[in-house]
Amino acid sequence: MNLNYQHKELANGRWNEFNFFQQMANVGSEVIRAINWRERNKEYSMMAVDRALELLDLTIQDKKNQQKYRLNELLRLREFLADYFYFDNVYKSTDVNFNNYFLAFNYAANI
């Protein structure tokens, strides 16, 4: 286990107990939190981005998500998030794009 994880218990294996939709809904919660904090408190926003990327990395590492199509989507999502929050947003992502993307996972996780 990496001692630098913010979600130590999740990184220690608990994350893998969640189904894919639950994992993605949790990633989405952090992304939405980052978006909501961006204008009010940049530090809080970036902390939420870091947590989102950490949870996304745990999702990528989870063996149940290793199918090629799913892994490709997760890796692309990581690229889009990093570009949006840390770089130049060359993919032209928007808050609405991320809200809509993660809303579907939130819905699926709660069925």
PDB file of N, CA and C in Angstrom:
ATOM      1  N   MET A   1       0.837  -1.180   0.000  1.00  0.00           N
ATOM      2  CA  MET A   1       0.000   0.000   0.000  1.00  0.00           C
ATOM      3  C   MET A   1       0.880   1.240   0.000  1.00  0.00           C
ATOM      4  N   ASN A   2       0.533   2.211  -0.786  1.00  0.00           N
ATOM      5  CA  ASN A   2       1.221   3.487  -0.836  1.00  0.00           C
ATOM      6  C   ASN A   2       0.774   4.326   0.362  1.00  0.00           C
ATOM      7  N   LEU A   3       1.708   4.740   1.202  1.00  0.00           N
ATOM      8  CA  LEU A   3       1.367   5.505   2.400  1.00  0.00           C
ATOM      9  C   LEU A   3       0.922   6.925   2.103  1.00  0.00           C
ATOM     10  N   ASN A   4       1.063   7.377   0.878  1.00  0.00           N
ATOM     11  CA  ASN A   4       0.656   8.725   0.512  1.00  0.00           C
ATOM     12  C   ASN A   4      -0.807   8.819   0.105  1.00  0.00           C
ATOM     13  N   TYR A   5      -1.517   7.713   0.091  1.00  0.00           N
ATOM     14  CA  TYR A   5      -2.927   7.747  -0.279  1.00  0.00           C
ATOM     15  C   TYR A   5      -3.722   8.556   0.734  1.00  0.00           C
ATOM     16  N   GLN A   6      -4.629   9.373   0.264  1.00  0.00           N
ATOM     17  CA  GLN A   6      -5.554  10.071   1.153  1.00  0.00           C
ATOM     18  C   GLN A   6      -6.632   9.107   1.640  1.00  0.00           C
ATOM     19  N   HIS A   7      -6.995   8.163   0.786  1.00  0.00           N
ATOM     20  CA  HIS A   7      -8.012   7.159   1.107  1.00  0.00           C
ATOM     21  C   HIS A   7      -7.309   5.844   1.450  1.00  0.00           C
ATOM     22  N   LYS A   8      -6.635   5.800   2.579  1.00  0.00           N
ATOM     23  CA  LYS A   8      -5.808   4.645   2.931  1.00  0.00           C
ATOM     24  C   LYS A   8      -6.618   3.351   3.033  1.00  0.00           C
ATOM     25  N   GLU A   9      -7.774   3.408   3.664  1.00  0.00           N
ATOM     26  CA  GLU A   9      -8.598   2.212   3.817  1.00  0.00           C
ATOM     27  C   GLU A   9      -9.075   1.699   2.460  1.00  0.00           C
ATOM     28  N   LEU A  10      -9.465   2.619   1.594  1.00  0.00           N
ATOM     29  CA  LEU A  10      -9.907   2.226   0.251  1.00  0.00           C
ATOM     30  C   LEU A  10      -8.743   1.650  -0.550  1.00  0.00           C
ATOM     31  N   ALA A  11      -7.576   2.278  -0.425  1.00  0.00           N
ATOM     32  CA  ALA A  11      -6.399   1.814  -1.166  1.00  0.00           C
ATOM     33  C   ALA A  11      -5.941   0.454  -0.670  1.00  0.00           C
ATOM     34  N   ASN A  12      -6.305   0.112   0.547  1.00  0.00           N
ATOM     35  CA  ASN A  12      -5.886  -1.154   1.134  1.00  0.00           C
ATOM     36  C   ASN A  12      -6.807  -2.306   0.726  1.00  0.00           C
ATOM     37  N   GLY A  13      -7.679  -2.091  -0.230  1.00  0.00           N
ATOM     38  CA  GLY A  13      -8.498  -3.174  -0.764  1.00  0.00           C
ATOM     39  C   GLY A  13      -9.993  -2.954  -0.689  1.00  0.00           C
ATOM     40  N   ARG A  14     -10.443  -2.087   0.184  1.00  0.00           N
ATOM     41  CA  ARG A  14     -11.888  -1.867   0.324  1.00  0.00           C
ATOM     42  C   ARG A  14     -12.507  -1.326  -0.961  1.00  0.00           C
ATOM     43  N   TRP A  15     -11.761  -0.517  -1.715  1.00  0.00           N
ATOM     44  CA  TRP A  15     -12.269   0.050  -2.966  1.00  0.00           C
ATOM     45  C   TRP A  15     -12.726  -1.037  -3.921  1.00  0.00           C
ATOM     46  N   ASN A  16     -12.022  -2.142  -3.952  1.00  0.00           N
ATOM     47  CA  ASN A  16     -12.340  -3.234  -4.870  1.00  0.00           C
ATOM     48  C   ASN A  16     -13.655  -3.924  -4.519  1.00  0.00           C
ATOM     49  N   GLU A  17     -14.182  -3.676  -3.323  1.00  0.00           N
ATOM     50  CA  GLU A  17     -15.467  -4.246  -2.932  1.00  0.00           C
ATOM     51  C   GLU A  17     -16.632  -3.505  -3.585  1.00  0.00           C
ATOM     52  N   PHE A  18     -16.407  -2.275  -4.017  1.00  0.00           N
ATOM     53  CA  PHE A  18     -17.444  -1.504  -4.687  1.00  0.00           C
ATOM     54  C   PHE A  18     -17.583  -1.976  -6.123  1.00  0.00           C
ATOM     55  N   ASN A  19     -18.807  -1.948  -6.639  1.00  0.00           N
ATOM     56  CA  ASN A  19     -18.963  -2.275  -8.053  1.00  0.00           C
ATOM     57  C   ASN A  19     -18.507  -1.073  -8.895  1.00  0.00           C
ATOM     58  N   PHE A  20     -18.386  -1.285 -10.179  1.00  0.00           N
ATOM     59  CA  PHE A  20     -17.858  -0.248 -11.073  1.00  0.00           C
ATOM     60  C   PHE A  20     -18.669   1.045 -10.993  1.00  0.00           C
ATOM     61  N   PHE A  21     -19.987   0.918 -10.964  1.00  0.00           N
ATOM     62  CA  PHE A  21     -20.833   2.115 -10.925  1.00  0.00           C
ATOM     63  C   PHE A  21     -20.635   2.889  -9.624  1.00  0.00           C
ATOM     64  N   GLN A  22     -20.496   2.190  -8.514  1.00  0.00           N
ATOM     65  CA  GLN A  22     -20.238   2.851  -7.235  1.00  0.00           C
ATOM     66  C   GLN A  22     -18.879   3.556  -7.254  1.00  0.00           C
ATOM     67  N   GLN A  23     -17.888   2.894  -7.817  1.00  0.00           N
ATOM     68  CA  GLN A  23     -16.563   3.510  -7.910  1.00  0.00           C
ATOM     69  C   GLN A  23     -16.627   4.804  -8.712  1.00  0.00           C
ATOM     70  N   MET A  24     -17.262   4.730  -9.867  1.00  0.00           N
ATOM     71  CA  MET A  24     -17.317   5.907 -10.732  1.00  0.00           C
ATOM     72  C   MET A  24     -18.180   7.021 -10.125  1.00  0.00           C
ATOM     73  N   ALA A  25     -19.243   6.661  -9.415  1.00  0.00           N
ATOM     74  CA  ALA A  25     -20.060   7.678  -8.756  1.00  0.00           C
ATOM     75  C   ALA A  25     -19.238   8.401  -7.682  1.00  0.00           C
ATOM     76  N   ASN A  26     -18.381   7.676  -6.993  1.00  0.00           N
ATOM     77  CA  ASN A  26     -17.520   8.294  -5.985  1.00  0.00           C
ATOM     78  C   ASN A  26     -16.463   9.192  -6.620  1.00  0.00           C
ATOM     79  N   VAL A  27     -15.891   8.742  -7.727  1.00  0.00           N
ATOM     80  CA  VAL A  27     -14.955   9.605  -8.463  1.00  0.00           C
ATOM     81  C   VAL A  27     -15.690  10.878  -8.876  1.00  0.00           C
ATOM     82  N   GLY A  28     -16.887  10.708  -9.404  1.00  0.00           N
ATOM     83  CA  GLY A  28     -17.680  11.844  -9.850  1.00  0.00           C
ATOM     84  C   GLY A  28     -18.014  12.810  -8.730  1.00  0.00           C
ATOM     85  N   SER A  29     -18.259  12.306  -7.541  1.00  0.00           N
ATOM     86  CA  SER A  29     -18.536  13.186  -6.406  1.00  0.00           C
ATOM     87  C   SER A  29     -17.366  14.125  -6.147  1.00  0.00           C
ATOM     88  N   GLU A  30     -16.166  13.593  -6.240  1.00  0.00           N
ATOM     89  CA  GLU A  30     -14.982  14.435  -6.028  1.00  0.00           C
ATOM     90  C   GLU A  30     -14.796  15.428  -7.176  1.00  0.00           C
ATOM     91  N   VAL A  31     -15.080  14.996  -8.395  1.00  0.00           N
ATOM     92  CA  VAL A  31     -14.955  15.903  -9.542  1.00  0.00           C
ATOM     93  C   VAL A  31     -15.955  17.046  -9.409  1.00  0.00           C
ATOM     94  N   ILE A  32     -17.184  16.725  -9.069  1.00  0.00           N
ATOM     95  CA  ILE A  32     -18.208  17.762  -8.907  1.00  0.00           C
ATOM     96  C   ILE A  32     -17.843  18.689  -7.750  1.00  0.00           C
ATOM     97  N   ARG A  33     -17.310  18.118  -6.691  1.00  0.00           N
ATOM     98  CA  ARG A  33     -16.846  18.940  -5.567  1.00  0.00           C
ATOM     99  C   ARG A  33     -15.755  19.911  -6.037  1.00  0.00           C
ATOM    100  N   ALA A  34     -14.829  19.415  -6.839  1.00  0.00           N
ATOM    101  CA  ALA A  34     -13.749  20.272  -7.365  1.00  0.00           C
ATOM    102  C   ALA A  34     -14.317  21.406  -8.214  1.00  0.00           C
ATOM    103  N   ILE A  35     -15.294  21.084  -9.043  1.00  0.00           N
ATOM    104  CA  ILE A  35     -15.924  22.104  -9.887  1.00  0.00           C
ATOM    105  C   ILE A  35     -16.628  23.146  -9.017  1.00  0.00           C
ATOM    106  N   ASN A  36     -17.353  22.688  -8.009  1.00  0.00           N
ATOM    107  CA  ASN A  36     -18.110  23.602  -7.158  1.00  0.00           C
ATOM    108  C   ASN A  36     -17.211  24.510  -6.321  1.00  0.00           C
ATOM    109  N   TRP A  37     -16.034  24.040  -5.946  1.00  0.00           N
ATOM    110  CA  TRP A  37     -15.122  24.837  -5.131  1.00  0.00           C
ATOM    111  C   TRP A  37     -14.218  25.738  -5.951  1.00  0.00           C
ATOM    112  N   ARG A  38     -14.120  25.502  -7.230  1.00  0.00           N
ATOM    113  CA  ARG A  38     -13.113  26.198  -8.053  1.00  0.00           C
ATOM    114  C   ARG A  38     -13.149  27.714  -7.905  1.00  0.00           C
ATOM    115  N   GLU A  39     -14.310  28.314  -7.917  1.00  0.00           N
ATOM    116  CA  GLU A  39     -14.412  29.773  -7.837  1.00  0.00           C
ATOM    117  C   GLU A  39     -14.276  30.293  -6.410  1.00  0.00           C
ATOM    118  N   ARG A  40     -14.656  29.476  -5.436  1.00  0.00           N
ATOM    119  CA  ARG A  40     -14.666  29.936  -4.045  1.00  0.00           C
ATOM    120  C   ARG A  40     -13.360  29.678  -3.304  1.00  0.00           C
ATOM    121  N   ASN A  41     -12.726  28.544  -3.590  1.00  0.00           N
ATOM    122  CA  ASN A  41     -11.510  28.194  -2.859  1.00  0.00           C
ATOM    123  C   ASN A  41     -10.676  27.253  -3.720  1.00  0.00           C
ATOM    124  N   LYS A  42      -9.674  27.796  -4.389  1.00  0.00           N
ATOM    125  CA  LYS A  42      -8.844  27.029  -5.330  1.00  0.00           C
ATOM    126  C   LYS A  42      -8.156  25.847  -4.632  1.00  0.00           C
ATOM    127  N   GLU A  43      -7.706  26.060  -3.400  1.00  0.00           N
ATOM    128  CA  GLU A  43      -7.023  24.979  -2.676  1.00  0.00           C
ATOM    129  C   GLU A  43      -7.954  23.797  -2.437  1.00  0.00           C
ATOM    130  N   TYR A  44      -9.175  24.063  -1.974  1.00  0.00           N
ATOM    131  CA  TYR A  44     -10.143  22.988  -1.762  1.00  0.00           C
ATOM    132  C   TYR A  44     -10.479  22.283  -3.073  1.00  0.00           C
ATOM    133  N   SER A  45     -10.597  23.075  -4.120  1.00  0.00           N
ATOM    134  CA  SER A  45     -10.896  22.512  -5.433  1.00  0.00           C
ATOM    135  C   SER A  45      -9.803  21.533  -5.869  1.00  0.00           C
ATOM    136  N   MET A  46      -8.567  21.952  -5.724  1.00  0.00           N
ATOM    137  CA  MET A  46      -7.464  21.103  -6.173  1.00  0.00           C
ATOM    138  C   MET A  46      -7.301  19.869  -5.277  1.00  0.00           C
ATOM    139  N   MET A  47      -7.632  20.003  -4.003  1.00  0.00           N
ATOM    140  CA  MET A  47      -7.605  18.832  -3.120  1.00  0.00           C
ATOM    141  C   MET A  47      -8.649  17.808  -3.581  1.00  0.00           C
ATOM    142  N   ALA A  48      -9.810  18.287  -4.009  1.00  0.00           N
ATOM    143  CA  ALA A  48     -10.853  17.391  -4.519  1.00  0.00           C
ATOM    144  C   ALA A  48     -10.417  16.732  -5.824  1.00  0.00           C
ATOM    145  N   VAL A  49      -9.739  17.483  -6.685  1.00  0.00           N
ATOM    146  CA  VAL A  49      -9.209  16.902  -7.931  1.00  0.00           C
ATOM    147  C   VAL A  49      -8.218  15.798  -7.598  1.00  0.00           C
ATOM    148  N   ASP A  50      -7.329  16.055  -6.664  1.00  0.00           N
ATOM    149  CA  ASP A  50      -6.349  15.041  -6.266  1.00  0.00           C
ATOM    150  C   ASP A  50      -7.040  13.785  -5.748  1.00  0.00           C
ATOM    151  N   ARG A  51      -8.080  13.961  -4.944  1.00  0.00           N
ATOM    152  CA  ARG A  51      -8.828  12.799  -4.439  1.00  0.00           C
ATOM    153  C   ARG A  51      -9.525  12.071  -5.579  1.00  0.00           C
ATOM    154  N   ALA A  52     -10.093  12.817  -6.524  1.00  0.00           N
ATOM    155  CA  ALA A  52     -10.761  12.190  -7.670  1.00  0.00           C
ATOM    156  C   ALA A  52      -9.778  11.351  -8.474  1.00  0.00           C
ATOM    157  N   LEU A  53      -8.602  11.904  -8.728  1.00  0.00           N
ATOM    158  CA  LEU A  53      -7.597  11.161  -9.497  1.00  0.00           C
ATOM    159  C   LEU A  53      -7.101   9.948  -8.727  1.00  0.00           C
ATOM    160  N   GLU A  54      -6.983  10.075  -7.417  1.00  0.00           N
ATOM    161  CA  GLU A  54      -6.582   8.924  -6.600  1.00  0.00           C
ATOM    162  C   GLU A  54      -7.623   7.810  -6.704  1.00  0.00           C
ATOM    163  N   LEU A  55      -8.895   8.169  -6.558  1.00  0.00           N
ATOM    164  CA  LEU A  55      -9.954   7.162  -6.677  1.00  0.00           C
ATOM    165  C   LEU A  55     -10.017   6.586  -8.087  1.00  0.00           C
ATOM    166  N   LEU A  56      -9.798   7.411  -9.081  1.00  0.00           N
ATOM    167  CA  LEU A  56      -9.772   6.916 -10.459  1.00  0.00           C
ATOM    168  C   LEU A  56      -8.610   5.952 -10.651  1.00  0.00           C
ATOM    169  N   ASP A  57      -7.461   6.257 -10.069  1.00  0.00           N
ATOM    170  CA  ASP A  57      -6.326   5.333 -10.155  1.00  0.00           C
ATOM    171  C   ASP A  57      -6.644   3.997  -9.493  1.00  0.00           C
ATOM    172  N   LEU A  58      -7.320   4.026  -8.353  1.00  0.00           N
ATOM    173  CA  LEU A  58      -7.730   2.779  -7.700  1.00  0.00           C
ATOM    174  C   LEU A  58      -8.700   2.004  -8.586  1.00  0.00           C
ATOM    175  N   THR A  59      -9.577   2.720  -9.257  1.00  0.00           N
ATOM    176  CA  THR A  59     -10.528   2.088 -10.177  1.00  0.00           C
ATOM    177  C   THR A  59      -9.788   1.447 -11.346  1.00  0.00           C
ATOM    178  N   ILE A  60      -8.801   2.131 -11.863  1.00  0.00           N
ATOM    179  CA  ILE A  60      -8.002   1.606 -12.973  1.00  0.00           C
ATOM    180  C   ILE A  60      -7.253   0.349 -12.544  1.00  0.00           C
ATOM    181  N   GLN A  61      -6.771   0.313 -11.318  1.00  0.00           N
ATOM    182  CA  GLN A  61      -5.992  -0.824 -10.819  1.00  0.00           C
ATOM    183  C   GLN A  61      -6.858  -2.027 -10.452  1.00  0.00           C
ATOM    184  N   ASP A  62      -8.143  -1.812 -10.245  1.00  0.00           N
ATOM    185  CA  ASP A  62      -9.050  -2.887  -9.848  1.00  0.00           C
ATOM    186  C   ASP A  62      -9.159  -3.916 -10.980  1.00  0.00           C
ATOM    187  N   LYS A  63      -8.905  -5.171 -10.654  1.00  0.00           N
ATOM    188  CA  LYS A  63      -8.883  -6.234 -11.674  1.00  0.00           C
ATOM    189  C   LYS A  63     -10.197  -6.358 -12.438  1.00  0.00           C
ATOM    190  N   LYS A  64     -11.318  -6.053 -11.788  1.00  0.00           N
ATOM    191  CA  LYS A  64     -12.600  -6.192 -12.495  1.00  0.00           C
ATOM    192  C   LYS A  64     -12.763  -5.150 -13.599  1.00  0.00           C
ATOM    193  N   ASN A  65     -11.906  -4.137 -13.592  1.00  0.00           N
ATOM    194  CA  ASN A  65     -12.002  -3.079 -14.601  1.00  0.00           C
ATOM    195  C   ASN A  65     -10.910  -3.178 -15.661  1.00  0.00           C
ATOM    196  N   GLN A  66     -10.330  -4.336 -15.800  1.00  0.00           N
ATOM    197  CA  GLN A  66      -9.202  -4.495 -16.712  1.00  0.00           C
ATOM    198  C   GLN A  66      -9.602  -4.873 -18.142  1.00  0.00           C
ATOM    199  N   GLN A  67     -10.910  -4.967 -18.426  1.00  0.00           N
ATOM    200  CA  GLN A  67     -11.302  -5.228 -19.804  1.00  0.00           C
ATOM    201  C   GLN A  67     -10.822  -4.060 -20.655  1.00  0.00           C
ATOM    202  N   LYS A  68     -10.406  -4.359 -21.865  1.00  0.00           N
ATOM    203  CA  LYS A  68      -9.792  -3.340 -22.711  1.00  0.00           C
ATOM    204  C   LYS A  68     -10.685  -2.113 -22.902  1.00  0.00           C
ATOM    205  N   TYR A  69     -11.954  -2.322 -23.203  1.00  0.00           N
ATOM    206  CA  TYR A  69     -12.845  -1.192 -23.472  1.00  0.00           C
ATOM    207  C   TYR A  69     -13.011  -0.321 -22.228  1.00  0.00           C
ATOM    208  N   ARG A  70     -13.139  -0.948 -21.068  1.00  0.00           N
ATOM    209  CA  ARG A  70     -13.325  -0.184 -19.838  1.00  0.00           C
ATOM    210  C   ARG A  70     -12.037   0.517 -19.436  1.00  0.00           C
ATOM    211  N   LEU A  71     -10.939  -0.188 -19.535  1.00  0.00           N
ATOM    212  CA  LEU A  71      -9.649   0.398 -19.177  1.00  0.00           C
ATOM    213  C   LEU A  71      -9.327   1.587 -20.077  1.00  0.00           C
ATOM    214  N   ASN A  72      -9.603   1.457 -21.363  1.00  0.00           N
ATOM    215  CA  ASN A  72      -9.377   2.581 -22.287  1.00  0.00           C
ATOM    216  C   ASN A  72     -10.191   3.801 -21.890  1.00  0.00           C
ATOM    217  N   GLU A  73     -11.454   3.588 -21.510  1.00  0.00           N
ATOM    218  CA  GLU A  73     -12.286   4.719 -21.108  1.00  0.00           C
ATOM    219  C   GLU A  73     -11.754   5.364 -19.831  1.00  0.00           C
ATOM    220  N   LEU A  74     -11.352   4.551 -18.869  1.00  0.00           N
ATOM    221  CA  LEU A  74     -10.842   5.091 -17.609  1.00  0.00           C
ATOM    222  C   LEU A  74      -9.563   5.893 -17.822  1.00  0.00           C
ATOM    223  N   LEU A  75      -8.693   5.380 -18.658  1.00  0.00           N
ATOM    224  CA  LEU A  75      -7.447   6.098 -18.929  1.00  0.00           C
ATOM    225  C   LEU A  75      -7.706   7.403 -19.682  1.00  0.00           C
ATOM    226  N   ARG A  76      -8.650   7.368 -20.602  1.00  0.00           N
ATOM    227  CA  ARG A  76      -9.011   8.585 -21.322  1.00  0.00           C
ATOM    228  C   ARG A  76      -9.643   9.599 -20.374  1.00  0.00           C
ATOM    229  N   LEU A  77     -10.503   9.137 -19.478  1.00  0.00           N
ATOM    230  CA  LEU A  77     -11.109  10.026 -18.494  1.00  0.00           C
ATOM    231  C   LEU A  77     -10.029  10.686 -17.636  1.00  0.00           C
ATOM    232  N   ARG A  78      -9.040   9.921 -17.228  1.00  0.00           N
ATOM    233  CA  ARG A  78      -7.950  10.482 -16.417  1.00  0.00           C
ATOM    234  C   ARG A  78      -7.233  11.587 -17.194  1.00  0.00           C
ATOM    235  N   GLU A  79      -7.006  11.332 -18.467  1.00  0.00           N
ATOM    236  CA  GLU A  79      -6.355  12.322 -19.324  1.00  0.00           C
ATOM    237  C   GLU A  79      -7.202  13.597 -19.431  1.00  0.00           C
ATOM    238  N   PHE A  80      -8.510  13.437 -19.610  1.00  0.00           N
ATOM    239  CA  PHE A  80      -9.406  14.592 -19.723  1.00  0.00           C
ATOM    240  C   PHE A  80      -9.435  15.388 -18.419  1.00  0.00           C
ATOM    241  N   LEU A  81      -9.499  14.696 -17.283  1.00  0.00           N
ATOM    242  CA  LEU A  81      -9.531  15.397 -16.000  1.00  0.00           C
ATOM    243  C   LEU A  81      -8.240  16.173 -15.747  1.00  0.00           C
ATOM    244  N   ALA A  82      -7.116  15.529 -15.996  1.00  0.00           N
ATOM    245  CA  ALA A  82      -5.834  16.207 -15.799  1.00  0.00           C
ATOM    246  C   ALA A  82      -5.722  17.417 -16.723  1.00  0.00           C
ATOM    247  N   ASP A  83      -6.126  17.247 -17.961  1.00  0.00           N
ATOM    248  CA  ASP A  83      -6.080  18.358 -18.920  1.00  0.00           C
ATOM    249  C   ASP A  83      -6.972  19.508 -18.456  1.00  0.00           C
ATOM    250  N   TYR A  84      -8.155  19.179 -17.981  1.00  0.00           N
ATOM    251  CA  TYR A  84      -9.128  20.204 -17.580  1.00  0.00           C
ATOM    252  C   TYR A  84      -8.686  20.988 -16.349  1.00  0.00           C
ATOM    253  N   PHE A  85      -8.194  20.270 -15.337  1.00  0.00           N
ATOM    254  CA  PHE A  85      -7.876  20.929 -14.077  1.00  0.00           C
ATOM    255  C   PHE A  85      -6.426  21.396 -13.960  1.00  0.00           C
ATOM    256  N   TYR A  86      -5.495  20.762 -14.667  1.00  0.00           N
ATOM    257  CA  TYR A  86      -4.078  21.085 -14.486  1.00  0.00           C
ATOM    258  C   TYR A  86      -3.409  21.721 -15.700  1.00  0.00           C
ATOM    259  N   PHE A  87      -3.978  21.513 -16.864  1.00  0.00           N
ATOM    260  CA  PHE A  87      -3.301  21.962 -18.076  1.00  0.00           C
ATOM    261  C   PHE A  87      -4.159  22.936 -18.865  1.00  0.00           C
ATOM    262  N   ASP A  88      -4.129  22.872 -20.179  1.00  0.00           N
ATOM    263  CA  ASP A  88      -4.715  23.905 -21.042  1.00  0.00           C
ATOM    264  C   ASP A  88      -6.112  23.595 -21.570  1.00  0.00           C
ATOM    265  N   ASN A  89      -6.714  22.501 -21.111  1.00  0.00           N
ATOM    266  CA  ASN A  89      -8.044  22.097 -21.568  1.00  0.00           C
ATOM    267  C   ASN A  89      -8.104  22.014 -23.098  1.00  0.00           C
ATOM    268  N   VAL A  90      -7.142  21.318 -23.667  1.00  0.00           N
ATOM    269  CA  VAL A  90      -7.110  21.173 -25.124  1.00  0.00           C
ATOM    270  C   VAL A  90      -8.299  20.364 -25.644  1.00  0.00           C
ATOM    271  N   TYR A  91      -8.923  19.569 -24.774  1.00  0.00           N
ATOM    272  CA  TYR A  91     -10.081  18.785 -25.197  1.00  0.00           C
ATOM    273  C   TYR A  91     -11.381  19.580 -25.089  1.00  0.00           C
ATOM    274  N   LYS A  92     -11.284  20.811 -24.593  1.00  0.00           N
ATOM    275  CA  LYS A  92     -12.446  21.709 -24.478  1.00  0.00           C
ATOM    276  C   LYS A  92     -13.551  21.121 -23.602  1.00  0.00           C
ATOM    277  N   SER A  93     -13.158  20.454 -22.526  1.00  0.00           N
ATOM    278  CA  SER A  93     -14.125  19.922 -21.565  1.00  0.00           C
ATOM    279  C   SER A  93     -14.813  21.069 -20.851  1.00  0.00           C
ATOM    280  N   THR A  94     -15.994  20.784 -20.314  1.00  0.00           N
ATOM    281  CA  THR A  94     -16.744  21.783 -19.566  1.00  0.00           C
ATOM    282  C   THR A  94     -17.277  21.163 -18.275  1.00  0.00           C
ATOM    283  N   ASP A  95     -17.687  22.029 -17.349  1.00  0.00           N
ATOM    284  CA  ASP A  95     -18.329  21.553 -16.124  1.00  0.00           C
ATOM    285  C   ASP A  95     -19.555  20.711 -16.464  1.00  0.00           C
ATOM    286  N   VAL A  96     -20.321  21.162 -17.439  1.00  0.00           N
ATOM    287  CA  VAL A  96     -21.534  20.451 -17.842  1.00  0.00           C
ATOM    288  C   VAL A  96     -21.190  19.067 -18.385  1.00  0.00           C
ATOM    289  N   ASN A  97     -20.128  18.958 -19.179  1.00  0.00           N
ATOM    290  CA  ASN A  97     -19.706  17.645 -19.686  1.00  0.00           C
ATOM    291  C   ASN A  97     -19.474  16.669 -18.540  1.00  0.00           C
ATOM    292  N   PHE A  98     -18.703  17.104 -17.549  1.00  0.00           N
ATOM    293  CA  PHE A  98     -18.382  16.221 -16.427  1.00  0.00           C
ATOM    294  C   PHE A  98     -19.612  15.928 -15.575  1.00  0.00           C
ATOM    295  N   ASN A  99     -20.445  16.929 -15.345  1.00  0.00           N
ATOM    296  CA  ASN A  99     -21.692  16.699 -14.605  1.00  0.00           C
ATOM    297  C   ASN A  99     -22.537  15.634 -15.287  1.00  0.00           C
ATOM    298  N   ASN A 100     -22.741  15.760 -16.577  1.00  0.00           N
ATOM    299  CA  ASN A 100     -23.559  14.800 -17.324  1.00  0.00           C
ATOM    300  C   ASN A 100     -22.935  13.413 -17.343  1.00  0.00           C
ATOM    301  N   TYR A 101     -21.629  13.350 -17.516  1.00  0.00           N
ATOM    302  CA  TYR A 101     -20.931  12.062 -17.563  1.00  0.00           C
ATOM    303  C   TYR A 101     -21.114  11.311 -16.244  1.00  0.00           C
ATOM    304  N   PHE A 102     -20.855  11.992 -15.137  1.00  0.00           N
ATOM    305  CA  PHE A 102     -20.900  11.311 -13.845  1.00  0.00           C
ATOM    306  C   PHE A 102     -22.313  11.116 -13.324  1.00  0.00           C
ATOM    307  N   LEU A 103     -23.270  11.908 -13.775  1.00  0.00           N
ATOM    308  CA  LEU A 103     -24.655  11.741 -13.357  1.00  0.00           C
ATOM    309  C   LEU A 103     -25.158  10.343 -13.711  1.00  0.00           C
ATOM    310  N   ALA A 104     -24.778   9.844 -14.863  1.00  0.00           N
ATOM    311  CA  ALA A 104     -25.208   8.500 -15.279  1.00  0.00           C
ATOM    312  C   ALA A 104     -24.685   7.436 -14.317  1.00  0.00           C
ATOM    313  N   PHE A 105     -23.458   7.572 -13.854  1.00  0.00           N
ATOM    314  CA  PHE A 105     -22.905   6.598 -12.901  1.00  0.00           C
ATOM    315  C   PHE A 105     -23.597   6.706 -11.544  1.00  0.00           C
ATOM    316  N   ASN A 106     -23.884   7.925 -11.147  1.00  0.00           N
ATOM    317  CA  ASN A 106     -24.596   8.124  -9.891  1.00  0.00           C
ATOM    318  C   ASN A 106     -25.966   7.439  -9.942  1.00  0.00           C
ATOM    319  N   TYR A 107     -26.648   7.621 -11.053  1.00  0.00           N
ATOM    320  CA  TYR A 107     -27.952   6.979 -11.238  1.00  0.00           C
ATOM    321  C   TYR A 107     -27.820   5.457 -11.201  1.00  0.00           C
ATOM    322  N   ALA A 108     -26.863   4.924 -11.958  1.00  0.00           N
ATOM    323  CA  ALA A 108     -26.677   3.465 -12.028  1.00  0.00           C
ATOM    324  C   ALA A 108     -26.272   2.880 -10.682  1.00  0.00           C
ATOM    325  N   ALA A 109     -25.484   3.609  -9.908  1.00  0.00           N
ATOM    326  CA  ALA A 109     -25.032   3.115  -8.607  1.00  0.00           C
ATOM    327  C   ALA A 109     -26.174   3.038  -7.604  1.00  0.00           C
ATOM    328  N   ASN A 110     -27.221   3.815  -7.847  1.00  0.00           N
ATOM    329  CA  ASN A 110     -28.337   3.875  -6.883  1.00  0.00           C
ATOM    330  C   ASN A 110     -29.563   3.094  -7.315  1.00  0.00           C
ATOM    331  N   ILE A 111     -29.441   2.318  -8.365  1.00  0.00           N
ATOM    332  CA  ILE A 111     -30.580   1.496  -8.800  1.00  0.00           C
ATOM    333  C   ILE A 111     -30.653   0.249  -7.951  1.00  0.00           C
TER     334      ILE A 111
END
